[in-house]
Structure formats: C-alpha cells, structure tokens
C-alpha cells in the first residue's frame, strides 16, 4: 500500500458555514434544564449556533488525520472545549464545527477534566454491550436508544502530539464511541431501526417547527 498523503492544514479543512440559519435550534446530549439562568442560556444559544446541524454535509464527511501539532491545533482544541461546555454537552467532534480533523473533546462528568483525543483509534472493545438514550448537539429534539460497547481501549494523541492510551467504561466509553462516529460521518440515526429513525425525524421536525413559531412570535 502506498503511504497516505499528509493531511492538509487546518485552514483548508474548514467547510464554509451554511448561509441559512434554519435548523439552528437548541439541542444537547440531554435536555437543558428549564431553570437555566439568562446568562447561561444566552451562552448556550450562542455556542449552539456554531454547531452544524442535521443536513449539513460536514456531518457526513470523514475527518482526516492530524499531522501538524501547532498553535493552530491548540487554539482549535481550546475553542472546542469552550463551545462544548457552553452548549452543555458532554462531547464534541471537530466535524460538528465544520472542521475535518480527527479531533474530539469530551467531559462525561462535571468533576472530570476535559479530555482531548487527536487521531483516536479504538484498539479493543468489550463483548458486553448496553443500550442507553443518547442525544446529540447536531440533532435537534432527537433522543434515541443506542447500543454501544460497555468498555473500550483507545489509542490517540493529545494536542501536543504526545501519545495516549486510555481505557473507559460506562458513560465515558459511550461518549468516545459517539464522537468517533462523528469523525467517520456516522450519526446516531444510523445506529437505530428504520421505525425508530422515522420517529426521531418526526420529533426533530416538530421541534424545528416549535422553534420557528417561537421566533416568529418573538
């Protein structure tokens, strides 16, 4: 096999943001608490406007391996962490921001530090699997049962290029699998039955309609 060509630099990997704002509605890995204070909700709304939504071609693109560990990458990672936190998500992949880099960040629990995985590769998964409800910052109103491996081992690098190897189980393992799916152009809609997908699409359309109606009233 011939060697893969070097990945283009970050500047050439960002897909243009769609001109239309349609579909930029609130969505998170779980429903946002209704009692959010005005400042937190405003930050969340602002962060979600940067996240590509269902139908955007970036969500179906396959991210490219990172081979330049420079200041641009560090800034990209920092921005991803800030947007994820402001959006009240637990994970975010670069493709969700229109950047075709194999980079993801996650923070499964509030007390955990932010974890950055560059060029992640799942090396091992447990035979044991479990189903749990998942949502997605890119899929408004969608919450579906997805089956995942309970445990895994992943090899990656951090934003400086340092090699990492970690094992995860439970929610962290689920989040890692969810975000790596994004890097491969796969959505949770692809991991459910046809009937469940129809119901999810219906829920997404209903939420979009409600959001547009609310915006028109405002």
N, C-alpha and C. Protein backbone atom coordinates (compact mmCIF):
# COMPACT_ATOMS: atom_id res chain seq x y z
N UNK A 1 0.84 -1.20 0.00
CA UNK A 1 0.00 0.00 0.00
C UNK A 1 0.87 1.25 0.00
N UNK A 2 0.46 2.22 -0.75
CA UNK A 2 1.23 3.47 -0.78
C UNK A 2 0.91 4.29 0.45
N UNK A 3 1.88 5.08 0.96
CA UNK A 3 1.64 5.91 2.15
C UNK A 3 0.58 6.95 1.89
N UNK A 4 -0.18 7.27 2.95
CA UNK A 4 -1.22 8.30 2.82
C UNK A 4 -0.58 9.66 2.68
N UNK A 5 -1.13 10.54 1.85
CA UNK A 5 -0.58 11.90 1.74
C UNK A 5 -0.81 12.65 3.02
N UNK A 6 0.06 13.62 3.35
CA UNK A 6 -0.11 14.39 4.58
C UNK A 6 -1.42 15.13 4.57
N UNK A 7 -2.04 15.23 5.77
CA UNK A 7 -3.32 15.93 5.88
C UNK A 7 -3.14 17.41 5.63
N UNK A 8 -4.07 18.05 4.93
CA UNK A 8 -3.98 19.49 4.72
C UNK A 8 -4.02 20.24 6.02
N UNK A 9 -3.56 21.46 6.01
CA UNK A 9 -3.55 22.29 7.21
C UNK A 9 -4.96 22.69 7.58
N UNK A 10 -5.14 23.10 8.84
CA UNK A 10 -6.46 23.39 9.37
C UNK A 10 -7.21 24.40 8.51
N UNK A 11 -6.53 25.41 8.00
CA UNK A 11 -7.21 26.46 7.27
C UNK A 11 -7.93 25.92 6.04
N UNK A 12 -7.42 24.82 5.46
CA UNK A 12 -8.03 24.28 4.26
C UNK A 12 -9.05 23.20 4.56
N UNK A 13 -9.24 22.90 5.84
CA UNK A 13 -10.11 21.81 6.22
C UNK A 13 -11.45 22.27 6.75
N UNK A 14 -11.66 23.55 6.91
CA UNK A 14 -12.92 24.02 7.47
C UNK A 14 -13.92 24.26 6.36
N UNK A 15 -15.04 23.58 6.46
CA UNK A 15 -16.09 23.75 5.47
C UNK A 15 -16.83 25.05 5.74
N UNK A 16 -17.29 25.73 4.70
CA UNK A 16 -18.00 27.00 4.90
C UNK A 16 -19.28 26.80 5.68
N UNK A 17 -19.60 27.77 6.52
CA UNK A 17 -20.84 27.72 7.28
C UNK A 17 -22.01 28.02 6.36
N UNK A 18 -23.08 27.21 6.43
CA UNK A 18 -24.23 27.48 5.57
C UNK A 18 -24.78 28.88 5.81
N UNK A 19 -25.24 29.51 4.76
CA UNK A 19 -25.78 30.86 4.89
C UNK A 19 -27.07 30.85 5.68
N UNK A 20 -27.91 29.84 5.46
CA UNK A 20 -29.20 29.77 6.14
C UNK A 20 -29.02 29.45 7.61
N UNK A 21 -29.82 30.09 8.45
CA UNK A 21 -29.80 29.80 9.87
C UNK A 21 -30.86 28.78 10.24
N UNK A 22 -31.64 28.32 9.26
CA UNK A 22 -32.70 27.37 9.55
C UNK A 22 -32.13 26.10 10.15
N UNK A 23 -32.75 25.64 11.23
CA UNK A 23 -32.29 24.42 11.87
C UNK A 23 -31.34 24.68 13.03
N UNK A 24 -30.92 25.91 13.25
CA UNK A 24 -30.06 26.21 14.38
C UNK A 24 -30.89 26.33 15.64
N UNK A 25 -31.33 25.19 16.15
CA UNK A 25 -32.18 25.17 17.32
C UNK A 25 -31.46 24.55 18.49
N UNK A 26 -31.98 24.73 19.67
CA UNK A 26 -31.35 24.20 20.85
C UNK A 26 -31.41 22.68 20.87
N UNK A 27 -30.28 22.08 21.15
CA UNK A 27 -30.23 20.64 21.34
C UNK A 27 -28.95 20.33 22.08
N UNK A 28 -29.00 19.36 22.97
CA UNK A 28 -27.82 18.95 23.72
C UNK A 28 -27.85 17.46 23.92
N UNK A 29 -26.80 16.90 24.55
CA UNK A 29 -26.76 15.47 24.81
C UNK A 29 -27.93 15.06 25.70
N UNK A 30 -28.44 15.97 26.47
CA UNK A 30 -29.65 15.76 27.25
C UNK A 30 -30.40 17.07 27.23
N UNK A 31 -31.67 17.04 27.59
CA UNK A 31 -32.42 18.28 27.58
C UNK A 31 -31.84 19.27 28.58
N UNK A 32 -31.77 20.52 28.19
CA UNK A 32 -31.26 21.55 29.09
C UNK A 32 -32.28 21.84 30.17
N UNK A 33 -31.85 22.03 31.40
CA UNK A 33 -32.78 22.34 32.48
C UNK A 33 -33.55 23.62 32.17
N UNK A 34 -34.83 23.60 32.49
CA UNK A 34 -35.65 24.78 32.23
C UNK A 34 -35.24 25.95 33.10
N UNK A 35 -34.60 25.65 34.26
CA UNK A 35 -34.29 26.73 35.18
C UNK A 35 -32.95 27.40 34.90
N UNK A 36 -32.41 27.24 33.71
CA UNK A 36 -31.17 27.91 33.36
C UNK A 36 -31.33 29.42 33.54
N UNK A 37 -30.32 30.04 34.12
CA UNK A 37 -30.38 31.49 34.25
C UNK A 37 -30.14 32.11 32.88
N UNK A 38 -30.49 33.37 32.76
CA UNK A 38 -30.46 34.05 31.46
C UNK A 38 -29.06 34.05 30.85
N UNK A 39 -28.04 34.26 31.67
CA UNK A 39 -26.67 34.32 31.14
C UNK A 39 -26.23 32.97 30.59
N UNK A 40 -26.52 31.89 31.36
CA UNK A 40 -26.14 30.54 30.91
C UNK A 40 -26.88 30.18 29.64
N UNK A 41 -28.17 30.48 29.57
CA UNK A 41 -28.94 30.16 28.38
C UNK A 41 -28.43 30.95 27.16
N UNK A 42 -28.05 32.20 27.38
CA UNK A 42 -27.53 33.01 26.28
C UNK A 42 -26.22 32.42 25.76
N UNK A 43 -25.34 31.98 26.67
CA UNK A 43 -24.07 31.36 26.25
C UNK A 43 -24.35 30.07 25.49
N UNK A 44 -25.32 29.32 25.97
CA UNK A 44 -25.66 28.06 25.32
C UNK A 44 -26.19 28.31 23.92
N UNK A 45 -27.09 29.25 23.79
CA UNK A 45 -27.64 29.57 22.47
C UNK A 45 -26.54 30.01 21.51
N UNK A 46 -25.61 30.84 22.02
CA UNK A 46 -24.51 31.33 21.17
C UNK A 46 -23.60 30.19 20.74
N UNK A 47 -23.32 29.26 21.66
CA UNK A 47 -22.44 28.13 21.34
C UNK A 47 -23.10 27.22 20.31
N UNK A 48 -24.40 26.98 20.47
CA UNK A 48 -25.11 26.07 19.56
C UNK A 48 -25.18 26.59 18.14
N UNK A 49 -25.07 27.90 17.98
CA UNK A 49 -25.08 28.46 16.63
C UNK A 49 -23.83 28.07 15.84
N UNK A 50 -22.78 27.65 16.54
CA UNK A 50 -21.55 27.23 15.86
C UNK A 50 -21.58 25.74 15.49
N UNK A 51 -22.53 25.00 16.05
CA UNK A 51 -22.58 23.56 15.84
C UNK A 51 -23.41 23.23 14.60
N UNK A 52 -22.82 22.47 13.68
CA UNK A 52 -23.52 22.09 12.45
C UNK A 52 -24.68 21.15 12.79
N UNK A 53 -25.80 21.36 12.11
CA UNK A 53 -27.00 20.59 12.37
C UNK A 53 -27.26 19.58 11.26
N UNK A 54 -28.18 18.68 11.53
CA UNK A 54 -28.54 17.61 10.60
C UNK A 54 -28.82 18.19 9.20
N UNK A 55 -28.24 17.57 8.20
CA UNK A 55 -28.35 18.04 6.83
C UNK A 55 -27.11 18.75 6.34
N UNK A 56 -26.27 19.20 7.27
CA UNK A 56 -25.02 19.84 6.89
C UNK A 56 -24.05 18.77 6.38
N UNK A 57 -23.41 18.96 5.21
CA UNK A 57 -22.51 17.94 4.66
C UNK A 57 -21.33 17.61 5.55
N UNK A 58 -20.93 18.52 6.43
CA UNK A 58 -19.79 18.24 7.31
C UNK A 58 -20.06 17.05 8.21
N UNK A 59 -21.33 16.83 8.55
CA UNK A 59 -21.68 15.73 9.45
C UNK A 59 -21.59 14.38 8.77
N UNK A 60 -21.48 14.37 7.46
CA UNK A 60 -21.33 13.11 6.73
C UNK A 60 -19.93 12.95 6.15
N UNK A 61 -19.05 13.87 6.47
CA UNK A 61 -17.67 13.81 5.97
C UNK A 61 -16.82 12.93 6.88
N UNK A 62 -15.80 12.33 6.31
CA UNK A 62 -14.82 11.56 7.09
C UNK A 62 -13.64 12.47 7.40
N UNK A 63 -13.38 12.65 8.69
CA UNK A 63 -12.30 13.54 9.11
C UNK A 63 -10.94 12.96 8.72
N UNK A 64 -9.98 13.85 8.52
CA UNK A 64 -8.62 13.46 8.12
C UNK A 64 -7.67 13.50 9.32
N UNK A 65 -6.69 12.62 9.29
CA UNK A 65 -5.72 12.56 10.39
C UNK A 65 -4.95 13.87 10.51
N UNK A 66 -4.66 14.24 11.75
CA UNK A 66 -3.88 15.45 12.04
C UNK A 66 -2.39 15.09 12.04
N UNK A 67 -1.58 15.88 11.34
CA UNK A 67 -0.14 15.63 11.38
C UNK A 67 0.65 16.88 11.75
N UNK A 68 -0.06 17.97 12.06
CA UNK A 68 0.62 19.20 12.49
C UNK A 68 0.11 19.58 13.87
N UNK A 69 0.98 19.46 14.85
CA UNK A 69 0.62 19.76 16.23
C UNK A 69 1.21 21.13 16.58
N UNK A 70 0.48 22.15 16.17
CA UNK A 70 0.99 23.51 16.31
C UNK A 70 0.03 24.37 17.12
N UNK A 71 0.27 25.67 17.14
CA UNK A 71 -0.58 26.58 17.91
C UNK A 71 -1.99 26.63 17.36
N UNK A 72 -2.15 26.46 16.05
CA UNK A 72 -3.48 26.45 15.46
C UNK A 72 -4.31 25.30 16.04
N UNK A 73 -3.68 24.15 16.17
CA UNK A 73 -4.40 23.00 16.72
C UNK A 73 -4.77 23.24 18.19
N UNK A 74 -3.86 23.82 18.94
CA UNK A 74 -4.16 24.10 20.35
C UNK A 74 -5.34 25.07 20.47
N UNK A 75 -5.36 26.07 19.60
CA UNK A 75 -6.49 27.01 19.62
C UNK A 75 -7.79 26.32 19.23
N UNK A 76 -7.70 25.42 18.24
CA UNK A 76 -8.88 24.67 17.81
C UNK A 76 -9.44 23.84 18.96
N UNK A 77 -8.56 23.16 19.67
CA UNK A 77 -8.97 22.32 20.79
C UNK A 77 -9.58 23.16 21.91
N UNK A 78 -8.95 24.28 22.21
CA UNK A 78 -9.47 25.16 23.27
C UNK A 78 -10.86 25.66 22.91
N UNK A 79 -11.05 26.04 21.64
CA UNK A 79 -12.36 26.52 21.19
C UNK A 79 -13.40 25.41 21.30
N UNK A 80 -13.03 24.20 20.93
CA UNK A 80 -13.96 23.08 21.02
C UNK A 80 -14.39 22.85 22.47
N UNK A 81 -13.42 22.90 23.38
CA UNK A 81 -13.76 22.70 24.79
C UNK A 81 -14.70 23.76 25.32
N UNK A 82 -14.45 25.01 24.95
CA UNK A 82 -15.30 26.11 25.41
C UNK A 82 -16.72 25.99 24.85
N UNK A 83 -16.82 25.68 23.55
CA UNK A 83 -18.14 25.57 22.94
C UNK A 83 -18.92 24.39 23.52
N UNK A 84 -18.24 23.27 23.74
CA UNK A 84 -18.91 22.12 24.33
C UNK A 84 -19.46 22.45 25.71
N UNK A 85 -18.64 23.10 26.49
CA UNK A 85 -19.07 23.45 27.86
C UNK A 85 -20.21 24.45 27.84
N UNK A 86 -20.10 25.48 27.01
CA UNK A 86 -21.16 26.49 26.93
C UNK A 86 -22.46 25.89 26.40
N UNK A 87 -22.36 24.90 25.51
CA UNK A 87 -23.55 24.26 24.94
C UNK A 87 -24.15 23.21 25.87
N UNK A 88 -23.48 22.97 27.01
CA UNK A 88 -23.93 21.98 27.99
C UNK A 88 -23.90 20.57 27.42
N UNK A 89 -22.93 20.32 26.55
CA UNK A 89 -22.74 18.98 26.00
C UNK A 89 -21.70 18.23 26.80
N UNK A 90 -21.57 16.94 26.51
CA UNK A 90 -20.55 16.12 27.17
C UNK A 90 -19.46 15.69 26.20
N UNK A 91 -19.63 16.01 24.93
CA UNK A 91 -18.61 15.67 23.94
C UNK A 91 -18.83 16.48 22.68
N UNK A 92 -17.76 16.64 21.90
CA UNK A 92 -17.86 17.39 20.66
C UNK A 92 -16.75 16.92 19.71
N UNK A 93 -17.12 16.68 18.46
CA UNK A 93 -16.15 16.30 17.43
C UNK A 93 -15.90 17.49 16.51
N UNK A 94 -14.70 17.57 15.95
CA UNK A 94 -14.34 18.70 15.10
C UNK A 94 -15.28 18.84 13.91
N UNK A 95 -15.75 17.71 13.37
CA UNK A 95 -16.64 17.78 12.22
C UNK A 95 -17.95 18.49 12.55
N UNK A 96 -18.34 18.49 13.82
CA UNK A 96 -19.57 19.19 14.21
C UNK A 96 -19.41 20.70 14.11
N UNK A 97 -18.17 21.15 13.99
CA UNK A 97 -17.90 22.57 13.78
C UNK A 97 -17.47 22.84 12.35
N UNK A 98 -17.56 21.83 11.50
CA UNK A 98 -17.20 22.00 10.10
C UNK A 98 -15.72 21.87 9.83
N UNK A 99 -14.96 21.38 10.78
CA UNK A 99 -13.50 21.21 10.61
C UNK A 99 -13.20 19.72 10.45
N UNK A 100 -12.58 19.35 9.35
CA UNK A 100 -12.37 17.94 9.04
C UNK A 100 -11.07 17.40 9.62
N UNK A 101 -10.95 17.53 10.92
CA UNK A 101 -9.81 17.00 11.66
C UNK A 101 -10.28 15.84 12.53
N UNK A 102 -9.45 14.84 12.70
CA UNK A 102 -9.78 13.75 13.62
C UNK A 102 -9.44 14.20 15.04
N UNK A 103 -10.30 15.02 15.58
CA UNK A 103 -10.13 15.59 16.92
C UNK A 103 -11.47 15.54 17.63
N UNK A 104 -11.45 15.13 18.88
CA UNK A 104 -12.66 15.18 19.69
C UNK A 104 -12.29 15.59 21.11
N UNK A 105 -13.25 16.17 21.79
CA UNK A 105 -13.09 16.52 23.20
C UNK A 105 -14.30 15.97 23.94
N UNK A 106 -14.11 15.63 25.20
CA UNK A 106 -15.25 15.19 26.00
C UNK A 106 -15.00 15.42 27.48
N UNK A 107 -16.10 15.45 28.21
CA UNK A 107 -16.09 15.61 29.66
C UNK A 107 -17.39 14.99 30.14
N UNK A 108 -17.33 13.69 30.43
CA UNK A 108 -18.54 12.94 30.73
C UNK A 108 -19.20 13.38 32.02
N UNK A 109 -18.40 13.75 33.01
CA UNK A 109 -18.93 14.17 34.31
C UNK A 109 -18.37 15.53 34.68
N UNK A 110 -19.15 16.31 35.42
CA UNK A 110 -18.77 17.68 35.73
C UNK A 110 -17.42 17.77 36.43
N UNK A 111 -17.12 16.78 37.27
CA UNK A 111 -15.87 16.83 38.04
C UNK A 111 -14.66 16.36 37.24
N UNK A 112 -14.87 15.83 36.05
CA UNK A 112 -13.76 15.33 35.23
C UNK A 112 -13.03 16.48 34.54
N UNK A 113 -11.74 16.29 34.25
CA UNK A 113 -11.05 17.27 33.39
C UNK A 113 -11.45 17.06 31.95
N UNK A 114 -11.25 18.06 31.13
CA UNK A 114 -11.52 17.93 29.70
C UNK A 114 -10.49 16.97 29.10
N UNK A 115 -10.96 16.00 28.34
CA UNK A 115 -10.07 15.07 27.66
C UNK A 115 -10.07 15.37 26.17
N UNK A 116 -8.87 15.43 25.59
CA UNK A 116 -8.69 15.71 24.17
C UNK A 116 -8.10 14.47 23.51
N UNK A 117 -8.73 14.01 22.45
CA UNK A 117 -8.22 12.87 21.70
C UNK A 117 -8.01 13.29 20.25
N UNK A 118 -6.77 13.25 19.81
CA UNK A 118 -6.43 13.56 18.42
C UNK A 118 -6.05 12.25 17.73
N UNK A 119 -6.59 12.03 16.55
CA UNK A 119 -6.37 10.79 15.80
C UNK A 119 -6.71 9.55 16.63
N UNK A 120 -7.89 9.52 17.24
CA UNK A 120 -8.25 8.38 18.09
C UNK A 120 -8.48 7.11 17.29
N UNK A 121 -8.02 5.99 17.84
CA UNK A 121 -8.24 4.68 17.23
C UNK A 121 -8.69 3.73 18.35
N UNK A 122 -9.83 3.11 18.18
CA UNK A 122 -10.31 2.14 19.17
C UNK A 122 -9.57 0.83 18.93
N UNK A 123 -8.82 0.40 19.95
CA UNK A 123 -8.00 -0.81 19.82
C UNK A 123 -8.70 -2.06 20.32
N UNK A 124 -9.63 -1.88 21.26
CA UNK A 124 -10.31 -3.03 21.84
C UNK A 124 -11.65 -2.61 22.37
N UNK A 125 -12.64 -3.48 22.23
CA UNK A 125 -13.95 -3.25 22.81
C UNK A 125 -14.42 -4.52 23.50
N UNK A 126 -15.20 -4.35 24.54
CA UNK A 126 -15.71 -5.49 25.29
C UNK A 126 -16.82 -6.18 24.50
N UNK A 127 -17.01 -7.45 24.78
CA UNK A 127 -18.14 -8.17 24.18
C UNK A 127 -19.45 -7.67 24.79
N UNK A 128 -19.38 -7.23 26.04
CA UNK A 128 -20.58 -6.74 26.71
C UNK A 128 -21.02 -5.42 26.10
N UNK A 129 -22.30 -5.34 25.79
CA UNK A 129 -22.87 -4.14 25.22
C UNK A 129 -24.07 -3.71 26.05
N UNK A 130 -24.42 -2.44 25.93
CA UNK A 130 -25.57 -1.92 26.68
C UNK A 130 -26.25 -0.85 25.85
N UNK A 131 -27.54 -0.70 26.06
CA UNK A 131 -28.32 0.34 25.38
C UNK A 131 -28.63 1.46 26.36
N UNK A 132 -28.57 2.68 25.87
CA UNK A 132 -28.92 3.85 26.67
C UNK A 132 -29.35 4.96 25.73
N UNK A 133 -30.09 5.91 26.28
CA UNK A 133 -30.57 7.03 25.47
C UNK A 133 -29.43 8.00 25.18
N UNK A 134 -29.34 8.40 23.92
CA UNK A 134 -28.35 9.39 23.52
C UNK A 134 -29.04 10.54 22.78
N UNK A 135 -28.51 11.73 22.98
CA UNK A 135 -28.91 12.88 22.20
C UNK A 135 -27.67 13.38 21.48
N UNK A 136 -27.80 14.46 20.76
CA UNK A 136 -26.67 14.97 20.00
C UNK A 136 -26.84 16.46 19.76
N UNK A 137 -25.76 17.21 19.92
CA UNK A 137 -25.81 18.65 19.69
C UNK A 137 -26.19 18.99 18.25
N UNK A 138 -26.01 18.04 17.34
CA UNK A 138 -26.29 18.29 15.93
C UNK A 138 -27.67 17.81 15.49
N UNK A 139 -28.40 17.17 16.39
CA UNK A 139 -29.71 16.61 16.03
C UNK A 139 -30.78 17.16 16.97
N UNK A 140 -31.41 18.26 16.62
CA UNK A 140 -32.41 18.89 17.49
C UNK A 140 -33.57 17.97 17.83
N UNK A 141 -33.84 17.82 19.11
CA UNK A 141 -35.01 17.08 19.56
C UNK A 141 -34.90 15.57 19.50
N UNK A 142 -33.75 15.05 19.10
CA UNK A 142 -33.60 13.60 18.93
C UNK A 142 -32.97 12.98 20.17
N UNK A 143 -33.66 12.01 20.76
CA UNK A 143 -33.13 11.21 21.87
C UNK A 143 -33.54 9.77 21.60
N UNK A 144 -32.57 8.92 21.35
CA UNK A 144 -32.85 7.54 20.95
C UNK A 144 -31.98 6.56 21.72
N UNK A 145 -32.48 5.33 21.83
CA UNK A 145 -31.73 4.26 22.46
C UNK A 145 -30.68 3.74 21.49
N UNK A 146 -29.42 3.77 21.92
CA UNK A 146 -28.32 3.31 21.08
C UNK A 146 -27.52 2.25 21.84
N UNK A 147 -27.21 1.17 21.17
CA UNK A 147 -26.42 0.11 21.78
C UNK A 147 -24.94 0.38 21.53
N UNK A 148 -24.15 0.31 22.59
CA UNK A 148 -22.71 0.55 22.48
C UNK A 148 -21.95 -0.52 23.29
N UNK A 149 -20.65 -0.63 23.01
CA UNK A 149 -19.78 -1.46 23.84
C UNK A 149 -19.64 -0.81 25.22
N UNK A 150 -19.68 -1.63 26.25
CA UNK A 150 -19.60 -1.12 27.62
C UNK A 150 -18.21 -0.60 27.98
N UNK A 151 -17.17 -1.23 27.43
CA UNK A 151 -15.81 -0.84 27.74
C UNK A 151 -14.99 -0.80 26.46
N UNK A 152 -13.92 0.00 26.49
CA UNK A 152 -13.04 0.06 25.33
C UNK A 152 -11.66 0.57 25.73
N UNK A 153 -10.74 0.35 24.83
CA UNK A 153 -9.40 0.93 24.96
C UNK A 153 -9.12 1.71 23.69
N UNK A 154 -8.64 2.94 23.85
CA UNK A 154 -8.41 3.79 22.70
C UNK A 154 -6.98 4.32 22.71
N UNK A 155 -6.39 4.39 21.53
CA UNK A 155 -5.06 4.97 21.35
C UNK A 155 -5.23 6.29 20.61
N UNK A 156 -4.51 7.31 21.05
CA UNK A 156 -4.65 8.63 20.43
C UNK A 156 -3.43 9.47 20.75
N UNK A 157 -3.53 10.76 20.47
CA UNK A 157 -2.53 11.75 20.85
C UNK A 157 -3.24 12.92 21.50
N UNK A 158 -2.50 13.71 22.27
CA UNK A 158 -3.09 14.94 22.78
C UNK A 158 -2.76 16.07 21.82
N UNK A 159 -3.14 17.29 22.20
CA UNK A 159 -2.97 18.42 21.27
C UNK A 159 -1.51 18.78 21.03
N UNK A 160 -0.58 18.22 21.83
CA UNK A 160 0.85 18.48 21.62
C UNK A 160 1.51 17.37 20.80
N UNK A 161 0.76 16.31 20.53
CA UNK A 161 1.32 15.18 19.79
C UNK A 161 1.75 14.03 20.67
N UNK A 162 1.63 14.18 21.99
CA UNK A 162 2.03 13.13 22.92
C UNK A 162 1.08 11.94 22.80
N UNK A 163 1.67 10.72 22.75
CA UNK A 163 0.87 9.51 22.61
C UNK A 163 0.06 9.24 23.87
N UNK A 164 -1.18 8.82 23.68
CA UNK A 164 -2.07 8.49 24.79
C UNK A 164 -2.66 7.11 24.59
N UNK A 165 -2.92 6.43 25.68
CA UNK A 165 -3.69 5.20 25.64
C UNK A 165 -4.55 5.18 26.88
N UNK A 166 -5.83 5.03 26.71
CA UNK A 166 -6.72 5.05 27.87
C UNK A 166 -7.82 4.02 27.72
N UNK A 167 -8.32 3.57 28.86
CA UNK A 167 -9.45 2.66 28.89
C UNK A 167 -10.63 3.39 29.51
N UNK A 168 -11.81 3.11 29.04
CA UNK A 168 -13.01 3.78 29.54
C UNK A 168 -14.15 2.78 29.60
N UNK A 169 -15.10 3.06 30.48
CA UNK A 169 -16.29 2.22 30.57
C UNK A 169 -17.48 3.09 30.91
N UNK A 170 -18.65 2.56 30.70
CA UNK A 170 -19.86 3.30 31.02
C UNK A 170 -20.04 4.53 30.15
N UNK A 171 -20.43 5.64 30.79
CA UNK A 171 -20.70 6.86 30.03
C UNK A 171 -19.50 7.37 29.25
N UNK A 172 -18.28 7.45 29.84
CA UNK A 172 -17.14 7.92 29.04
C UNK A 172 -16.92 7.08 27.79
N UNK A 173 -17.06 5.75 27.91
CA UNK A 173 -16.89 4.88 26.73
C UNK A 173 -17.96 5.17 25.69
N UNK A 174 -19.17 5.42 26.15
CA UNK A 174 -20.27 5.74 25.22
C UNK A 174 -20.00 7.05 24.49
N UNK A 175 -19.53 8.06 25.23
CA UNK A 175 -19.26 9.36 24.62
C UNK A 175 -18.15 9.25 23.58
N UNK A 176 -17.10 8.50 23.91
CA UNK A 176 -15.99 8.33 22.96
C UNK A 176 -16.48 7.68 21.67
N UNK A 177 -17.30 6.64 21.80
CA UNK A 177 -17.83 5.96 20.61
C UNK A 177 -18.73 6.89 19.79
N UNK A 178 -19.54 7.68 20.49
CA UNK A 178 -20.42 8.65 19.82
C UNK A 178 -19.61 9.65 19.01
N UNK A 179 -18.54 10.19 19.62
CA UNK A 179 -17.76 11.23 18.94
C UNK A 179 -16.89 10.66 17.82
N UNK A 180 -16.36 9.46 18.00
CA UNK A 180 -15.59 8.84 16.92
C UNK A 180 -16.52 8.54 15.74
N UNK A 181 -17.76 8.17 16.03
CA UNK A 181 -18.74 8.02 14.95
C UNK A 181 -18.83 9.30 14.14
N UNK A 182 -18.90 10.45 14.83
CA UNK A 182 -18.96 11.74 14.12
C UNK A 182 -17.77 11.91 13.18
N UNK A 183 -16.58 11.52 13.64
CA UNK A 183 -15.38 11.67 12.82
C UNK A 183 -15.42 10.77 11.58
N UNK A 184 -16.26 9.74 11.64
CA UNK A 184 -16.41 8.83 10.50
C UNK A 184 -17.66 9.14 9.68
N UNK A 185 -18.33 10.24 10.01
CA UNK A 185 -19.53 10.62 9.26
C UNK A 185 -20.77 9.82 9.64
N UNK A 186 -20.75 9.21 10.82
CA UNK A 186 -21.86 8.40 11.28
C UNK A 186 -22.64 9.12 12.37
N UNK A 187 -23.97 9.07 12.30
CA UNK A 187 -24.84 9.70 13.28
C UNK A 187 -25.60 8.63 14.05
N UNK A 188 -26.15 9.01 15.20
CA UNK A 188 -26.91 8.04 15.98
C UNK A 188 -28.12 7.53 15.20
N UNK A 189 -28.60 8.31 14.24
CA UNK A 189 -29.72 7.86 13.40
C UNK A 189 -29.35 6.62 12.60
N UNK A 190 -28.06 6.44 12.35
CA UNK A 190 -27.60 5.29 11.57
C UNK A 190 -27.52 4.02 12.41
N UNK A 191 -27.66 4.15 13.72
CA UNK A 191 -27.49 3.02 14.62
C UNK A 191 -28.81 2.55 15.23
N UNK A 192 -29.90 2.98 14.66
CA UNK A 192 -31.21 2.59 15.18
C UNK A 192 -32.05 2.00 14.04
N UNK A 193 -33.18 1.41 14.40
CA UNK A 193 -34.04 0.78 13.40
C UNK A 193 -34.69 1.82 12.51
N UNK A 194 -35.21 1.36 11.38
CA UNK A 194 -35.88 2.27 10.45
C UNK A 194 -37.07 2.96 11.11
N UNK A 195 -37.84 2.21 11.89
CA UNK A 195 -39.01 2.80 12.55
C UNK A 195 -38.58 3.84 13.59
N UNK A 196 -37.54 3.54 14.36
CA UNK A 196 -37.04 4.50 15.35
C UNK A 196 -36.51 5.75 14.66
N UNK A 197 -35.88 5.56 13.51
CA UNK A 197 -35.36 6.70 12.76
C UNK A 197 -36.51 7.60 12.29
N UNK A 198 -37.61 6.99 11.81
CA UNK A 198 -38.77 7.77 11.38
C UNK A 198 -39.32 8.61 12.54
N UNK A 199 -39.41 8.00 13.72
CA UNK A 199 -39.92 8.71 14.89
C UNK A 199 -38.98 9.85 15.28
N UNK A 200 -37.68 9.59 15.19
CA UNK A 200 -36.70 10.62 15.54
C UNK A 200 -36.77 11.80 14.58
N UNK A 201 -36.91 11.50 13.30
CA UNK A 201 -37.03 12.57 12.31
C UNK A 201 -38.29 13.39 12.54
N UNK A 202 -39.37 12.70 12.93
CA UNK A 202 -40.62 13.40 13.21
C UNK A 202 -40.43 14.34 14.41
N UNK A 203 -39.76 13.86 15.45
CA UNK A 203 -39.52 14.68 16.64
C UNK A 203 -38.66 15.88 16.30
N UNK A 204 -37.67 15.69 15.43
CA UNK A 204 -36.80 16.79 15.04
C UNK A 204 -37.56 17.84 14.25
N UNK A 205 -38.43 17.40 13.34
CA UNK A 205 -39.22 18.35 12.58
C UNK A 205 -40.18 19.13 13.47
N UNK A 206 -40.77 18.44 14.45
CA UNK A 206 -41.69 19.10 15.37
C UNK A 206 -40.97 20.16 16.20
N UNK A 207 -39.77 19.83 16.67
CA UNK A 207 -39.04 20.81 17.47
C UNK A 207 -38.63 22.01 16.63
N UNK A 208 -38.23 21.76 15.38
CA UNK A 208 -37.86 22.86 14.49
C UNK A 208 -39.06 23.77 14.24
N UNK A 209 -40.23 23.17 14.07
CA UNK A 209 -41.45 23.96 13.86
C UNK A 209 -41.77 24.81 15.08
N UNK A 210 -41.61 24.21 16.27
CA UNK A 210 -41.86 24.96 17.50
C UNK A 210 -40.88 26.11 17.65
N UNK A 211 -39.62 25.85 17.31
CA UNK A 211 -38.60 26.90 17.42
C UNK A 211 -38.92 28.05 16.46
N UNK A 212 -39.33 27.73 15.23
CA UNK A 212 -39.64 28.78 14.26
C UNK A 212 -40.86 29.57 14.71
N UNK A 213 -41.86 28.86 15.27
CA UNK A 213 -43.06 29.55 15.75
C UNK A 213 -42.73 30.50 16.89
N UNK A 214 -41.86 30.05 17.79
CA UNK A 214 -41.45 30.89 18.92
C UNK A 214 -40.70 32.11 18.43
N UNK A 215 -39.83 31.90 17.42
CA UNK A 215 -39.05 33.01 16.88
C UNK A 215 -39.96 34.02 16.20
N UNK A 216 -41.00 33.54 15.51
CA UNK A 216 -41.92 34.45 14.83
C UNK A 216 -42.70 35.31 15.83
N UNK A 217 -43.09 34.67 16.95
CA UNK A 217 -43.81 35.41 17.98
C UNK A 217 -42.92 36.46 18.62
N UNK A 218 -41.66 36.07 18.87
CA UNK A 218 -40.71 37.00 19.49
C UNK A 218 -40.43 38.17 18.55
